[in-house]
C-alpha atoms as a PDB file:
ATOM      1  CA  UNK A   1     -32.873-133.404 -59.808  1.00  0.00           C
ATOM      2  CA  UNK A   2     -36.456-132.849 -60.990  1.00  0.00           C
ATOM      3  CA  UNK A   3     -39.669-133.548 -59.082  1.00  0.00           C
ATOM      4  CA  UNK A   4     -40.268-136.631 -61.262  1.00  0.00           C
ATOM      5  CA  UNK A   5     -36.814-137.962 -60.407  1.00  0.00           C
ATOM      6  CA  UNK A   6     -37.796-137.908 -56.726  1.00  0.00           C
ATOM      7  CA  UNK A   7     -41.213-139.557 -57.161  1.00  0.00           C
ATOM      8  CA  UNK A   8     -39.925-142.804 -55.619  1.00  0.00           C
ATOM      9  CA  UNK A   9     -39.511-141.036 -52.258  1.00  0.00           C
ATOM     10  CA  UNK A  10     -43.291-140.718 -51.850  1.00  0.00           C
ATOM     11  CA  UNK A  11     -44.412-143.967 -53.460  1.00  0.00           C
ATOM     12  CA  UNK A  12     -45.477-145.421 -50.091  1.00  0.00           C
ATOM     13  CA  UNK A  13     -47.502-142.352 -49.134  1.00  0.00           C
ATOM     14  CA  UNK A  14     -50.001-142.047 -51.938  1.00  0.00           C
ATOM     15  CA  UNK A  15     -50.727-138.835 -53.820  1.00  0.00           C
ATOM     16  CA  UNK A  16     -53.375-137.570 -51.392  1.00  0.00           C
ATOM     17  CA  UNK A  17     -51.130-137.950 -48.346  1.00  0.00           C
ATOM     18  CA  UNK A  18     -48.211-136.340 -50.139  1.00  0.00           C
ATOM     19  CA  UNK A  19     -50.368-133.408 -51.281  1.00  0.00           C
ATOM     20  CA  UNK A  20     -51.558-132.897 -47.696  1.00  0.00           C
ATOM     21  CA  UNK A  21     -47.975-132.801 -46.438  1.00  0.00           C
ATOM     22  CA  UNK A  22     -46.669-130.629 -49.262  1.00  0.00           C
ATOM     23  CA  UNK A  23     -49.454-128.045 -49.493  1.00  0.00           C
ATOM     24  CA  UNK A  24     -52.612-128.847 -47.581  1.00  0.00           C
ATOM     25  CA  UNK A  25     -51.526-129.133 -43.940  1.00  0.00           C
ATOM     26  CA  UNK A  26     -50.981-125.898 -41.964  1.00  0.00           C
ATOM     27  CA  UNK A  27     -47.276-125.232 -41.485  1.00  0.00           C
ATOM     28  CA  UNK A  28     -47.423-125.444 -37.681  1.00  0.00           C
ATOM     29  CA  UNK A  29     -48.994-128.911 -37.821  1.00  0.00           C
ATOM     30  CA  UNK A  30     -46.545-130.094 -40.466  1.00  0.00           C
ATOM     31  CA  UNK A  31     -43.480-129.019 -38.466  1.00  0.00           C
ATOM     32  CA  UNK A  32     -44.893-130.732 -35.340  1.00  0.00           C
ATOM     33  CA  UNK A  33     -45.506-133.932 -37.279  1.00  0.00           C
ATOM     34  CA  UNK A  34     -42.009-133.928 -38.746  1.00  0.00           C
ATOM     35  CA  UNK A  35     -40.450-133.217 -35.354  1.00  0.00           C
ATOM     36  CA  UNK A  36     -42.266-136.241 -33.961  1.00  0.00           C
ATOM     37  CA  UNK A  37     -40.941-138.398 -36.807  1.00  0.00           C
ATOM     38  CA  UNK A  38     -37.392-137.118 -36.284  1.00  0.00           C
ATOM     39  CA  UNK A  39     -37.621-137.790 -32.564  1.00  0.00           C
ATOM     40  CA  UNK A  40     -38.477-141.414 -33.302  1.00  0.00           C
ATOM     41  CA  UNK A  41     -35.713-141.672 -35.899  1.00  0.00           C
ATOM     42  CA  UNK A  42     -33.150-140.295 -33.447  1.00  0.00           C
ATOM     43  CA  UNK A  43     -33.624-143.252 -31.086  1.00  0.00           C
ATOM     44  CA  UNK A  44     -30.958-145.408 -32.682  1.00  0.00           C
ATOM     45  CA  UNK A  45     -27.877-147.369 -31.746  1.00  0.00           C
ATOM     46  CA  UNK A  46     -24.571-145.634 -31.027  1.00  0.00           C
ATOM     47  CA  UNK A  47     -23.021-147.575 -33.903  1.00  0.00           C
ATOM     48  CA  UNK A  48     -25.226-145.677 -36.349  1.00  0.00           C
ATOM     49  CA  UNK A  49     -23.948-142.367 -34.971  1.00  0.00           C
ATOM     50  CA  UNK A  50     -20.361-143.488 -35.474  1.00  0.00           C
ATOM     51  CA  UNK A  51     -21.163-144.577 -39.008  1.00  0.00           C
ATOM     52  CA  UNK A  52     -22.789-141.244 -39.904  1.00  0.00           C
ATOM     53  CA  UNK A  53     -19.927-139.274 -38.352  1.00  0.00           C
ATOM     54  CA  UNK A  54     -17.539-141.288 -40.475  1.00  0.00           C
ATOM     55  CA  UNK A  55     -19.414-141.149 -43.790  1.00  0.00           C
ATOM     56  CA  UNK A  56     -21.833-138.199 -43.901  1.00  0.00           C
ATOM     57  CA  UNK A  57     -20.230-135.292 -45.814  1.00  0.00           C
ATOM     58  CA  UNK A  58     -22.526-132.775 -44.085  1.00  0.00           C
ATOM     59  CA  UNK A  59     -21.162-133.403 -40.579  1.00  0.00           C
ATOM     60  CA  UNK A  60     -17.431-133.540 -41.256  1.00  0.00           C
ATOM     61  CA  UNK A  61     -15.258-130.956 -39.448  1.00  0.00           C
ATOM     62  CA  UNK A  62     -13.221-128.514 -41.488  1.00  0.00           C
ATOM     63  CA  UNK A  63      -9.877-129.662 -42.831  1.00  0.00           C
ATOM     64  CA  UNK A  64      -8.371-126.258 -41.885  1.00  0.00           C
ATOM     65  CA  UNK A  65      -7.203-125.511 -38.335  1.00  0.00           C
ATOM     66  CA  UNK A  66      -9.635-123.204 -36.528  1.00  0.00           C
ATOM     67  CA  UNK A  67      -6.888-120.759 -35.509  1.00  0.00           C
ATOM     68  CA  UNK A  68      -5.999-120.288 -39.159  1.00  0.00           C
ATOM     69  CA  UNK A  69      -9.617-119.550 -40.027  1.00  0.00           C
ATOM     70  CA  UNK A  70     -10.026-117.102 -37.134  1.00  0.00           C
ATOM     71  CA  UNK A  71      -6.913-115.187 -38.192  1.00  0.00           C
ATOM     72  CA  UNK A  72      -8.150-115.207 -41.782  1.00  0.00           C
ATOM     73  CA  UNK A  73     -11.548-113.829 -40.755  1.00  0.00           C
ATOM     74  CA  UNK A  74      -9.859-111.089 -38.741  1.00  0.00           C
ATOM     75  CA  UNK A  75      -7.825-109.900 -41.723  1.00  0.00           C
ATOM     76  CA  UNK A  76     -10.762-110.018 -44.130  1.00  0.00           C
ATOM     77  CA  UNK A  77     -13.035-108.045 -41.811  1.00  0.00           C
ATOM     78  CA  UNK A  78     -10.285-105.498 -41.201  1.00  0.00           C
ATOM     79  CA  UNK A  79      -9.980-104.952 -44.959  1.00  0.00           C
ATOM     80  CA  UNK A  80     -13.752-104.375 -45.108  1.00  0.00           C
ATOM     81  CA  UNK A  81     -13.777-101.884 -42.243  1.00  0.00           C
ATOM     82  CA  UNK A  82     -16.335 -99.653 -43.992  1.00  0.00           C
ATOM     83  CA  UNK A  83     -18.861-102.500 -44.065  1.00  0.00           C
ATOM     84  CA  UNK A  84     -20.916-103.388 -41.001  1.00  0.00           C
ATOM     85  CA  UNK A  85     -19.903-106.849 -39.809  1.00  0.00           C
ATOM     86  CA  UNK A  86     -22.919-109.095 -39.174  1.00  0.00           C
ATOM     87  CA  UNK A  87     -22.862-112.449 -37.369  1.00  0.00           C
ATOM     88  CA  UNK A  88     -25.598-114.454 -39.058  1.00  0.00           C
ATOM     89  CA  UNK A  89     -27.584-117.312 -37.593  1.00  0.00           C
ATOM     90  CA  UNK A  90     -26.684-120.746 -39.007  1.00  0.00           C
ATOM     91  CA  UNK A  91     -30.351-120.926 -40.121  1.00  0.00           C
ATOM     92  CA  UNK A  92     -32.404-118.775 -42.481  1.00  0.00           C
ATOM     93  CA  UNK A  93     -36.103-118.675 -43.431  1.00  0.00           C
ATOM     94  CA  UNK A  94     -37.138-121.614 -45.586  1.00  0.00           C
ATOM     95  CA  UNK A  95     -36.894-120.609 -49.243  1.00  0.00           C
ATOM     96  CA  UNK A  96     -34.461-117.708 -48.855  1.00  0.00           C
ATOM     97  CA  UNK A  97     -32.201-119.303 -51.454  1.00  0.00           C
ATOM     98  CA  UNK A  98     -34.798-120.599 -53.910  1.00  0.00           C
ATOM     99  CA  UNK A  99     -37.053-117.534 -53.610  1.00  0.00           C
ATOM    100  CA  UNK A 100     -34.492-114.744 -53.413  1.00  0.00           C
ATOM    101  CA  UNK A 101     -31.872-116.142 -55.763  1.00  0.00           C
ATOM    102  CA  UNK A 102     -34.130-118.505 -57.749  1.00  0.00           C
ATOM    103  CA  UNK A 103     -31.996-121.549 -56.998  1.00  0.00           C
ATOM    104  CA  UNK A 104     -33.134-125.113 -56.417  1.00  0.00           C
ATOM    105  CA  UNK A 105     -34.279-126.037 -52.918  1.00  0.00           C
ATOM    106  CA  UNK A 106     -32.706-129.453 -53.538  1.00  0.00           C
ATOM    107  CA  UNK A 107     -29.297-127.782 -53.161  1.00  0.00           C
ATOM    108  CA  UNK A 108     -30.149-126.584 -49.661  1.00  0.00           C
ATOM    109  CA  UNK A 109     -30.306-128.497 -46.370  1.00  0.00           C
ATOM    110  CA  UNK A 110     -33.848-127.793 -45.147  1.00  0.00           C
ATOM    111  CA  UNK A 111     -34.958-128.391 -41.563  1.00  0.00           C
ATOM    112  CA  UNK A 112     -38.200-129.708 -40.078  1.00  0.00           C
ATOM    113  CA  UNK A 113     -38.821-126.379 -38.301  1.00  0.00           C
ATOM    114  CA  UNK A 114     -39.522-124.377 -41.434  1.00  0.00           C
ATOM    115  CA  UNK A 115     -35.977-123.103 -41.851  1.00  0.00           C
ATOM    116  CA  UNK A 116     -32.940-123.967 -43.933  1.00  0.00           C
ATOM    117  CA  UNK A 117     -29.222-124.095 -43.235  1.00  0.00           C
ATOM    118  CA  UNK A 118     -27.531-121.071 -44.764  1.00  0.00           C
ATOM    119  CA  UNK A 119     -26.032-122.077 -48.094  1.00  0.00           C
ATOM    120  CA  UNK A 120     -25.249-118.577 -49.392  1.00  0.00           C
ATOM    121  CA  UNK A 121     -24.933-115.700 -46.901  1.00  0.00           C
ATOM    122  CA  UNK A 122     -25.455-113.092 -49.631  1.00  0.00           C
ATOM    123  CA  UNK A 123     -29.112-114.173 -49.915  1.00  0.00           C
ATOM    124  CA  UNK A 124     -29.576-113.589 -46.192  1.00  0.00           C
ATOM    125  CA  UNK A 125     -27.754-110.241 -46.314  1.00  0.00           C
ATOM    126  CA  UNK A 126     -30.096-109.218 -49.144  1.00  0.00           C
ATOM    127  CA  UNK A 127     -33.065-110.014 -46.916  1.00  0.00           C
ATOM    128  CA  UNK A 128     -31.582-107.918 -44.102  1.00  0.00           C
ATOM    129  CA  UNK A 129     -30.820-105.090 -46.545  1.00  0.00           C
ATOM    130  CA  UNK A 130     -34.437-105.072 -47.720  1.00  0.00           C
ATOM    131  CA  UNK A 131     -35.602-104.808 -44.100  1.00  0.00           C
ATOM    132  CA  UNK A 132     -33.329-101.832 -43.445  1.00  0.00           C
ATOM    133  CA  UNK A 133     -34.308-100.051 -46.660  1.00  0.00           C
ATOM    134  CA  UNK A 134     -37.979-100.393 -45.771  1.00  0.00           C
ATOM    135  CA  UNK A 135     -37.230 -98.628 -42.477  1.00  0.00           C
ATOM    136  CA  UNK A 136     -35.060 -95.947 -44.126  1.00  0.00           C
ATOM    137  CA  UNK A 137     -35.486 -95.772 -47.930  1.00  0.00           C
ATOM    138  CA  UNK A 138     -32.653 -93.244 -48.319  1.00  0.00           C
ATOM    139  CA  UNK A 139     -29.948 -95.243 -46.569  1.00  0.00           C
ATOM    140  CA  UNK A 140     -27.096 -97.202 -48.121  1.00  0.00           C
ATOM    141  CA  UNK A 141     -26.697-100.633 -46.536  1.00  0.00           C
ATOM    142  CA  UNK A 142     -23.183-102.119 -46.564  1.00  0.00           C
ATOM    143  CA  UNK A 143     -22.867-105.472 -44.822  1.00  0.00           C
ATOM    144  CA  UNK A 144     -20.126-108.079 -44.465  1.00  0.00           C
ATOM    145  CA  UNK A 145     -19.963-111.479 -42.851  1.00  0.00           C
ATOM    146  CA  UNK A 146     -17.812-114.560 -42.604  1.00  0.00           C
ATOM    147  CA  UNK A 147     -19.968-117.651 -42.431  1.00  0.00           C
ATOM    148  CA  UNK A 148     -19.773-121.433 -42.568  1.00  0.00           C
ATOM    149  CA  UNK A 149     -22.113-122.628 -45.313  1.00  0.00           C
ATOM    150  CA  UNK A 150     -23.625-125.991 -46.186  1.00  0.00           C
ATOM    151  CA  UNK A 151     -24.621-126.986 -49.708  1.00  0.00           C
ATOM    152  CA  UNK A 152     -26.347-130.177 -50.707  1.00  0.00           C
ATOM    153  CA  UNK A 153     -25.290-130.491 -54.341  1.00  0.00           C
ATOM    154  CA  UNK A 154     -22.467-132.808 -55.326  1.00  0.00           C
ATOM    155  CA  UNK A 155     -19.030-131.390 -54.511  1.00  0.00           C
ATOM    156  CA  UNK A 156     -16.210-131.503 -57.083  1.00  0.00           C
ATOM    157  CA  UNK A 157     -13.793-134.298 -56.262  1.00  0.00           C
ATOM    158  CA  UNK A 158     -10.967-131.803 -55.966  1.00  0.00           C
ATOM    159  CA  UNK A 159      -8.846-131.162 -52.864  1.00  0.00           C
ATOM    160  CA  UNK A 160     -10.061-128.066 -51.039  1.00  0.00           C
ATOM    161  CA  UNK A 161     -13.770-128.459 -51.868  1.00  0.00           C
ATOM    162  CA  UNK A 162     -16.294-129.719 -49.316  1.00  0.00           C
ATOM    163  CA  UNK A 163     -20.028-129.751 -48.560  1.00  0.00           C
ATOM    164  CA  UNK A 164     -19.408-127.379 -45.645  1.00  0.00           C
ATOM    165  CA  UNK A 165     -17.096-124.447 -46.199  1.00  0.00           C
ATOM    166  CA  UNK A 166     -16.336-120.940 -44.986  1.00  0.00           C
ATOM    167  CA  UNK A 167     -17.152-117.907 -47.114  1.00  0.00           C
ATOM    168  CA  UNK A 168     -16.485-114.195 -46.692  1.00  0.00           C
ATOM    169  CA  UNK A 169     -19.254-112.056 -48.215  1.00  0.00           C
ATOM    170  CA  UNK A 170     -20.098-108.393 -48.730  1.00  0.00           C
ATOM    171  CA  UNK A 171     -23.259-106.686 -49.972  1.00  0.00           C
ATOM    172  CA  UNK A 172     -24.066-103.090 -50.854  1.00  0.00           C
ATOM    173  CA  UNK A 173     -27.677-102.011 -51.297  1.00  0.00           C
ATOM    174  CA  UNK A 174     -29.374 -98.730 -52.117  1.00  0.00           C
ATOM    175  CA  UNK A 175     -31.112 -96.648 -54.784  1.00  0.00           C
ATOM    176  CA  UNK A 176     -29.582 -96.237 -58.212  1.00  0.00           C
ATOM    177  CA  UNK A 177     -28.287 -92.865 -59.338  1.00  0.00           C
ATOM    178  CA  UNK A 178     -27.826 -91.204 -62.710  1.00  0.00           C
ATOM    179  CA  UNK A 179     -25.712 -93.098 -65.284  1.00  0.00           C
ATOM    180  CA  UNK A 180     -25.566 -96.224 -63.088  1.00  0.00           C
ATOM    181  CA  UNK A 181     -23.530 -94.231 -60.608  1.00  0.00           C
ATOM    182  CA  UNK A 182     -24.484 -96.263 -57.540  1.00  0.00           C
ATOM    183  CA  UNK A 183     -23.876 -99.614 -59.251  1.00  0.00           C
ATOM    184  CA  UNK A 184     -20.527 -98.511 -60.677  1.00  0.00           C
ATOM    185  CA  UNK A 185     -19.284 -97.176 -57.330  1.00  0.00           C
ATOM    186  CA  UNK A 186     -20.442-100.274 -55.427  1.00  0.00           C
ATOM    187  CA  UNK A 187     -18.781-102.692 -57.855  1.00  0.00           C
ATOM    188  CA  UNK A 188     -15.513-100.766 -57.747  1.00  0.00           C
ATOM    189  CA  UNK A 189     -15.671-100.640 -53.945  1.00  0.00           C
ATOM    190  CA  UNK A 190     -16.147-104.414 -53.698  1.00  0.00           C
ATOM    191  CA  UNK A 191     -13.280-105.171 -56.069  1.00  0.00           C
ATOM    192  CA  UNK A 192     -10.904-102.783 -54.310  1.00  0.00           C
ATOM    193  CA  UNK A 193     -11.910-104.124 -50.884  1.00  0.00           C
ATOM    194  CA  UNK A 194     -11.139-107.677 -51.983  1.00  0.00           C
ATOM    195  CA  UNK A 195      -7.779-106.543 -53.342  1.00  0.00           C
ATOM    196  CA  UNK A 196      -6.992-104.889 -49.996  1.00  0.00           C
ATOM    197  CA  UNK A 197      -7.938-108.145 -48.289  1.00  0.00           C
ATOM    198  CA  UNK A 198      -5.523-110.123 -50.458  1.00  0.00           C
ATOM    199  CA  UNK A 199      -2.782-107.570 -49.744  1.00  0.00           C
ATOM    200  CA  UNK A 200      -3.356-107.904 -45.990  1.00  0.00           C
ATOM    201  CA  UNK A 201      -3.272-111.691 -46.184  1.00  0.00           C
ATOM    202  CA  UNK A 202       0.006-111.594 -48.075  1.00  0.00           C
ATOM    203  CA  UNK A 203       1.498-109.929 -44.994  1.00  0.00           C
ATOM    204  CA  UNK A 204       0.494-113.012 -42.980  1.00  0.00           C
ATOM    205  CA  UNK A 205       1.940-115.920 -44.938  1.00  0.00           C
ATOM    206  CA  UNK A 206      -0.368-116.029 -47.970  1.00  0.00           C
ATOM    207  CA  UNK A 207       0.570-115.503 -51.617  1.00  0.00           C
ATOM    208  CA  UNK A 208      -1.781-114.404 -54.416  1.00  0.00           C
ATOM    209  CA  UNK A 209       0.487-114.018 -57.466  1.00  0.00           C
ATOM    210  CA  UNK A 210      -0.515-113.308 -61.061  1.00  0.00           C
ATOM    211  CA  UNK A 211      -3.830-111.715 -60.147  1.00  0.00           C
ATOM    212  CA  UNK A 212      -6.269-111.088 -62.978  1.00  0.00           C
ATOM    213  CA  UNK A 213      -9.795-109.743 -63.225  1.00  0.00           C
ATOM    214  CA  UNK A 214     -12.575-110.688 -65.616  1.00  0.00           C
ATOM    215  CA  UNK A 215     -15.529-108.326 -65.940  1.00  0.00           C
ATOM    216  CA  UNK A 216     -18.462-110.003 -67.651  1.00  0.00           C
ATOM    217  CA  UNK A 217     -21.270-107.771 -68.924  1.00  0.00           C
ATOM    218  CA  UNK A 218     -24.533-107.988 -70.805  1.00  0.00           C
ATOM    219  CA  UNK A 219     -24.713-105.726 -73.907  1.00  0.00           C
ATOM    220  CA  UNK A 220     -26.592-103.023 -72.025  1.00  0.00           C
ATOM    221  CA  UNK A 221     -23.798-102.912 -69.396  1.00  0.00           C
ATOM    222  CA  UNK A 222     -20.874-102.717 -71.850  1.00  0.00           C
ATOM    223  CA  UNK A 223     -20.082 -99.068 -71.065  1.00  0.00           C
ATOM    224  CA  UNK A 224     -20.152 -99.856 -67.355  1.00  0.00           C
ATOM    225  CA  UNK A 225     -17.713-102.712 -67.837  1.00  0.00           C
ATOM    226  CA  UNK A 226     -15.288-100.554 -69.760  1.00  0.00           C
ATOM    227  CA  UNK A 227     -15.552 -97.836 -67.096  1.00  0.00           C
ATOM    228  CA  UNK A 228     -14.663-100.339 -64.368  1.00  0.00           C
ATOM    229  CA  UNK A 229     -11.757-101.756 -66.361  1.00  0.00           C
ATOM    230  CA  UNK A 230     -10.320 -98.266 -66.878  1.00  0.00           C
ATOM    231  CA  UNK A 231     -10.356 -97.706 -63.098  1.00  0.00           C
ATOM    232  CA  UNK A 232      -8.437-100.896 -62.286  1.00  0.00           C
ATOM    233  CA  UNK A 233      -4.934-100.651 -63.653  1.00  0.00           C
ATOM    234  CA  UNK A 234      -3.012-102.651 -61.040  1.00  0.00           C
ATOM    235  CA  UNK A 235      -3.555-106.011 -62.788  1.00  0.00           C
ATOM    236  CA  UNK A 236      -4.683-107.469 -66.128  1.00  0.00           C
ATOM    237  CA  UNK A 237      -8.394-106.806 -66.733  1.00  0.00           C
ATOM    238  CA  UNK A 238     -10.579-108.189 -69.522  1.00  0.00           C
ATOM    239  CA  UNK A 239     -14.158-107.270 -70.398  1.00  0.00           C
ATOM    240  CA  UNK A 240     -16.126-110.196 -71.789  1.00  0.00           C
ATOM    241  CA  UNK A 241     -19.756-111.081 -72.615  1.00  0.00           C
ATOM    242  CA  UNK A 242     -21.896-112.269 -69.709  1.00  0.00           C
ATOM    243  CA  UNK A 243     -23.661-115.561 -70.405  1.00  0.00           C
ATOM    244  CA  UNK A 244     -24.794-116.487 -66.893  1.00  0.00           C
ATOM    245  CA  UNK A 245     -28.199-114.843 -66.359  1.00  0.00           C
ATOM    246  CA  UNK A 246     -28.005-115.447 -62.619  1.00  0.00           C
ATOM    247  CA  UNK A 247     -26.445-111.985 -62.484  1.00  0.00           C
ATOM    248  CA  UNK A 248     -28.164-108.690 -63.233  1.00  0.00           C
ATOM    249  CA  UNK A 249     -26.092-107.730 -66.250  1.00  0.00           C
ATOM    250  CA  UNK A 250     -22.614-107.600 -64.698  1.00  0.00           C
ATOM    251  CA  UNK A 251     -20.278-110.005 -62.926  1.00  0.00           C
ATOM    252  CA  UNK A 252     -16.614-109.929 -61.880  1.00  0.00           C
ATOM    253  CA  UNK A 253     -14.220-112.793 -61.169  1.00  0.00           C
ATOM    254  CA  UNK A 254     -10.860-112.223 -59.510  1.00  0.00           C
ATOM    255  CA  UNK A 255      -8.280-114.990 -59.933  1.00  0.00           C
ATOM    256  CA  UNK A 256      -4.766-115.693 -58.672  1.00  0.00           C
ATOM    257  CA  UNK A 257      -2.316-118.527 -59.190  1.00  0.00           C
ATOM    258  CA  UNK A 258      -2.583-120.987 -56.302  1.00  0.00           C
ATOM    259  CA  UNK A 259       0.180-122.968 -54.613  1.00  0.00           C
ATOM    260  CA  UNK A 260      -0.503-125.910 -56.935  1.00  0.00           C
ATOM    261  CA  UNK A 261       0.217-123.742 -59.979  1.00  0.00           C
ATOM    262  CA  UNK A 262      -3.324-123.349 -61.307  1.00  0.00           C
ATOM    263  CA  UNK A 263      -5.187-120.023 -61.547  1.00  0.00           C
ATOM    264  CA  UNK A 264      -8.297-120.162 -59.346  1.00  0.00           C
ATOM    265  CA  UNK A 265     -11.283-117.744 -59.510  1.00  0.00           C
ATOM    266  CA  UNK A 266     -11.167-117.134 -55.772  1.00  0.00           C
ATOM    267  CA  UNK A 267     -13.497-114.104 -55.682  1.00  0.00           C
ATOM    268  CA  UNK A 268     -16.841-113.786 -57.453  1.00  0.00           C
ATOM    269  CA  UNK A 269     -19.347-110.943 -57.417  1.00  0.00           C
ATOM    270  CA  UNK A 270     -21.718-108.769 -59.370  1.00  0.00           C
ATOM    271  CA  UNK A 271     -25.123-107.138 -59.508  1.00  0.00           C
ATOM    272  CA  UNK A 272     -28.333-108.962 -58.583  1.00  0.00           C
ATOM    273  CA  UNK A 273     -32.035-108.194 -58.901  1.00  0.00           C
ATOM    274  CA  UNK A 274     -32.922-109.776 -55.557  1.00  0.00           C
ATOM    275  CA  UNK A 275     -33.722-106.484 -53.810  1.00  0.00           C
ATOM    276  CA  UNK A 276     -36.028-105.352 -56.575  1.00  0.00           C
ATOM    277  CA  UNK A 277     -38.038-108.535 -56.173  1.00  0.00           C
ATOM    278  CA  UNK A 278     -37.972-108.491 -52.372  1.00  0.00           C
ATOM    279  CA  UNK A 279     -39.078-104.862 -52.156  1.00  0.00           C
ATOM    280  CA  UNK A 280     -41.011-104.553 -55.454  1.00  0.00           C
ATOM    281  CA  UNK A 281     -38.922-101.484 -56.256  1.00  0.00           C
ATOM    282  CA  UNK A 282     -37.135-101.396 -59.608  1.00  0.00           C
ATOM    283  CA  UNK A 283     -34.832 -98.558 -58.478  1.00  0.00           C
ATOM    284  CA  UNK A 284     -33.031-100.646 -55.868  1.00  0.00           C
ATOM    285  CA  UNK A 285     -29.557-102.003 -56.576  1.00  0.00           C
ATOM    286  CA  UNK A 286     -27.739-104.860 -54.879  1.00  0.00           C
ATOM    287  CA  UNK A 287     -24.074-105.712 -55.349  1.00  0.00           C
ATOM    288  CA  UNK A 288     -22.842-108.881 -53.668  1.00  0.00           C
ATOM    289  CA  UNK A 289     -19.465-110.593 -53.688  1.00  0.00           C
ATOM    290  CA  UNK A 290     -17.766-113.471 -51.950  1.00  0.00           C
ATOM    291  CA  UNK A 291     -14.330-114.897 -51.317  1.00  0.00           C
ATOM    292  CA  UNK A 292     -13.907-118.606 -50.656  1.00  0.00           C
ATOM    293  CA  UNK A 293     -11.942-118.120 -47.435  1.00  0.00           C
ATOM    294  CA  UNK A 294     -11.536-121.793 -46.578  1.00  0.00           C
ATOM    295  CA  UNK A 295     -10.287-122.457 -50.107  1.00  0.00           C
ATOM    296  CA  UNK A 296      -7.899-119.501 -49.756  1.00  0.00           C
ATOM    297  CA  UNK A 297      -6.440-121.003 -46.593  1.00  0.00           C
ATOM    298  CA  UNK A 298      -5.965-124.338 -48.324  1.00  0.00           C
ATOM    299  CA  UNK A 299      -4.576-123.231 -51.691  1.00  0.00           C
ATOM    300  CA  UNK A 300      -2.802-119.936 -50.943  1.00  0.00           C
ATOM    301  CA  UNK A 301      -1.190-120.676 -47.587  1.00  0.00           C
ATOM    302  CA  UNK A 302       0.715-123.969 -48.037  1.00  0.00           C
ATOM    303  CA  UNK A 303       1.404-124.508 -44.341  1.00  0.00           C
ATOM    304  CA  UNK A 304      -2.373-124.620 -43.731  1.00  0.00           C
ATOM    305  CA  UNK A 305      -2.761-127.847 -45.717  1.00  0.00           C
ATOM    306  CA  UNK A 306      -3.511-130.967 -43.658  1.00  0.00           C
END
């Protein structure tokens, strides 16, 4: 949705008042004003609360039993034992998604306290990685987290998808080496860690048959893609052109046939330029990947379905 599409939302304010709220008023005053408005809005009848609980997609509980998700998290984190496990706050600085990953703020649930609900933990892990690299430029930062996310865009009308969902993420950050050595090693590490995670889950009632890997590369990363493919012989691997410029020249997608018979790209990852922009250092590399853990519980463990 563009800014013009949302013009109706400020039609009663007038341009001057809207400009003051959007850019002119100091942030501290704006958050106080909005908190006052929200306080007034919150004084409503109990019936309205029931109605929102029934109909608002952002407040619905998960359709997967919590014990299943806790066991799933435990297995995923065990597979990623070489990554530091980080428990993130449900909130992140306002703009961490649209500024770090250049996404639309309209896809994020923003708050009136100058924060936003985490919609992609990898953006937040990138911010933490930048902080650590500023303190120790020679370190390698390897982080993992399992986090419940909220996204505001429309959700596919497909069983298993929801506005709030659980995601398992990993990031590796550090300085590049000769012949893209750091990037190559980090990508291979992420892929192999995810494969170990799937193997562990298969020992606990899950099934991930007919696994396949797509490596998508820009022309300048073609040699890197072929190098990765040659290192991964335990499943079918294809190297294809990368068309999505969200990634920094290389992306991987790991799929498996789900319990409903369809192959699902359950794991997605690649290289990103977020660290270079956060730290203004073109030598920094960030690899991030994610597994849709809630979707895995729904589609790859039949007894977990509601």
